[in-house]
Every structure is written in structure tokens, then in C-alpha cells.
């Protein structure tokens, strides 16, 4: 199974959601999962798996995730700077205290 695939087979979706393949086929038959039949196999788009699992993949959600990742990076950078400033202040305090 490839995590970057755009289309999955029933067995792959079953692995992803930790349910038997028969359950996935039943969800397809009842319309809870939308799939396309190709020969004897059902193919399920990644966006449909995300929808079924309740994962938002719209632009707004992706923008929020990107902003959060950027803010986490900035926070880590600032924490590193604070640690460096504390080290400098401690060194200066030791020099002045001598």
C-alpha cells in the first residue's frame, strides 16, 4: 500500500481503517463508501477514504495545518534563542561576579 496513492483497492482501505475487507465491501454496497468498479475490483479514491474517516482535506484545513506547522517552527526557534540568551546572561553574570 502506498500512502501517496490517489486510488486504493478494498484490501488497502481495509488495512487503513483496521476493518475486514468484507466490511469495506458492505460499506460500498450500502453507499457509505463511494467506489468505482474496475473489472472485478472496487477502487476507492483517497478523498473518499478521508471523507469516510472524517478527515478534512479542504484548502482551509490545509492552510490551518500549514500555519500551525510554521508557528511550531517559530516557537522552537524562539525557545533556542531564549536558551542562548540565558547562557550569555549566565556567563556575563559569572564574569561580573568575579
Protein backbone atom coordinates (compact mmCIF):
# COMPACT_ATOMS: atom_id res chain seq x y z
CA UNK A 1 0.00 0.00 0.00
CA UNK A 2 1.33 3.41 -0.94
CA UNK A 3 0.46 6.34 1.29
CA UNK A 4 0.69 8.70 -1.67
CA UNK A 5 -1.71 6.71 -3.87
CA UNK A 6 -4.76 8.52 -5.15
CA UNK A 7 -6.81 5.34 -5.51
CA UNK A 8 -6.92 2.30 -3.22
CA UNK A 9 -8.22 -1.25 -3.53
CA UNK A 10 -10.63 -2.71 -0.97
CA UNK A 11 -7.86 -4.60 0.87
CA UNK A 12 -5.76 -1.46 1.19
CA UNK A 13 -8.66 0.54 2.60
CA UNK A 14 -9.42 -2.31 5.00
CA UNK A 15 -5.84 -2.11 6.32
CA UNK A 16 -6.07 1.66 6.66
CA UNK A 17 -9.26 1.56 8.73
CA UNK A 18 -8.40 -1.67 10.61
CA UNK A 19 -11.53 -3.49 9.46
CA UNK A 20 -12.03 -6.61 7.37
CA UNK A 21 -12.31 -6.28 3.59
CA UNK A 22 -15.86 -7.66 3.82
CA UNK A 23 -16.83 -4.68 5.96
CA UNK A 24 -15.41 -2.29 3.35
CA UNK A 25 -17.34 -4.09 0.59
CA UNK A 26 -20.53 -3.87 2.66
CA UNK A 27 -19.94 -0.13 3.22
CA UNK A 28 -19.57 0.24 -0.57
CA UNK A 29 -22.78 -1.70 -1.22
CA UNK A 30 -24.74 0.40 1.28
CA UNK A 31 -23.34 3.63 -0.17
CA UNK A 32 -21.37 4.67 2.91
CA UNK A 33 -18.16 4.46 0.86
CA UNK A 34 -18.24 5.56 -2.78
CA UNK A 35 -16.20 3.37 -5.11
CA UNK A 36 -15.73 2.69 -8.80
CA UNK A 37 -15.81 -0.86 -10.09
CA UNK A 38 -12.92 -1.76 -12.39
CA UNK A 39 -13.33 -5.28 -13.68
CA UNK A 40 -13.86 -7.38 -10.57
CA UNK A 41 -12.31 -4.88 -8.15
CA UNK A 42 -13.58 -1.77 -6.44
CA UNK A 43 -11.34 1.30 -6.48
CA UNK A 44 -11.73 3.94 -3.77
CA UNK A 45 -10.30 7.44 -4.14
CA UNK A 46 -8.13 8.84 -1.35
CA UNK A 47 -10.54 11.75 -0.89
CA UNK A 48 -13.36 9.24 -0.30
CA UNK A 49 -11.33 7.37 2.33
CA UNK A 50 -10.60 10.71 4.01
CA UNK A 51 -14.30 11.62 3.93
CA UNK A 52 -15.27 8.25 5.39
CA UNK A 53 -12.73 8.66 8.20
CA UNK A 54 -13.83 12.25 8.84
CA UNK A 55 -10.53 13.77 7.73
CA UNK A 56 -10.84 17.28 6.31
CA UNK A 57 -8.74 17.90 3.23
CA UNK A 58 -10.12 21.20 2.00
CA UNK A 59 -7.93 24.23 1.34
CA UNK A 60 -8.96 25.93 4.59
CA UNK A 61 -7.91 22.91 6.64
CA UNK A 62 -4.61 22.61 4.78
CA UNK A 63 -3.88 26.32 5.32
CA UNK A 64 -4.53 25.93 9.05
CA UNK A 65 -2.24 22.91 9.23
CA UNK A 66 0.49 24.82 7.39
CA UNK A 67 0.14 27.82 9.71
CA UNK A 68 0.34 25.56 12.76
CA UNK A 69 3.50 23.91 11.42
CA UNK A 70 5.07 27.32 10.73
CA UNK A 71 4.18 28.57 14.22
CA UNK A 72 5.65 25.44 15.81
CA UNK A 73 8.86 26.07 13.89
CA UNK A 74 8.97 29.70 15.02
CA UNK A 75 8.29 28.65 18.62
CA UNK A 76 11.17 26.16 18.54
CA UNK A 77 13.46 28.85 17.11
CA UNK A 78 12.45 31.33 19.81
CA UNK A 79 12.98 28.73 22.54
CA UNK A 80 16.50 28.13 21.18
CA UNK A 81 17.19 31.89 21.20
CA UNK A 82 15.93 32.22 24.79
CA UNK A 83 18.20 29.36 25.85
CA UNK A 84 21.16 31.08 24.15
CA UNK A 85 20.34 34.42 25.82
CA UNK A 86 20.13 32.71 29.21
CA UNK A 87 23.57 31.16 28.63
CA UNK A 88 25.03 34.55 27.68
CA UNK A 89 23.40 36.21 30.71
CA UNK A 90 24.78 33.49 32.98
CA UNK A 91 28.27 33.90 31.50
CA UNK A 92 28.11 37.69 31.93
CA UNK A 93 26.90 37.26 35.50
CA UNK A 94 29.88 34.98 36.22
CA UNK A 95 32.31 37.47 34.66
CA UNK A 96 30.85 40.44 36.55
CA UNK A 97 30.69 38.43 39.77
CA UNK A 98 34.43 37.71 39.66
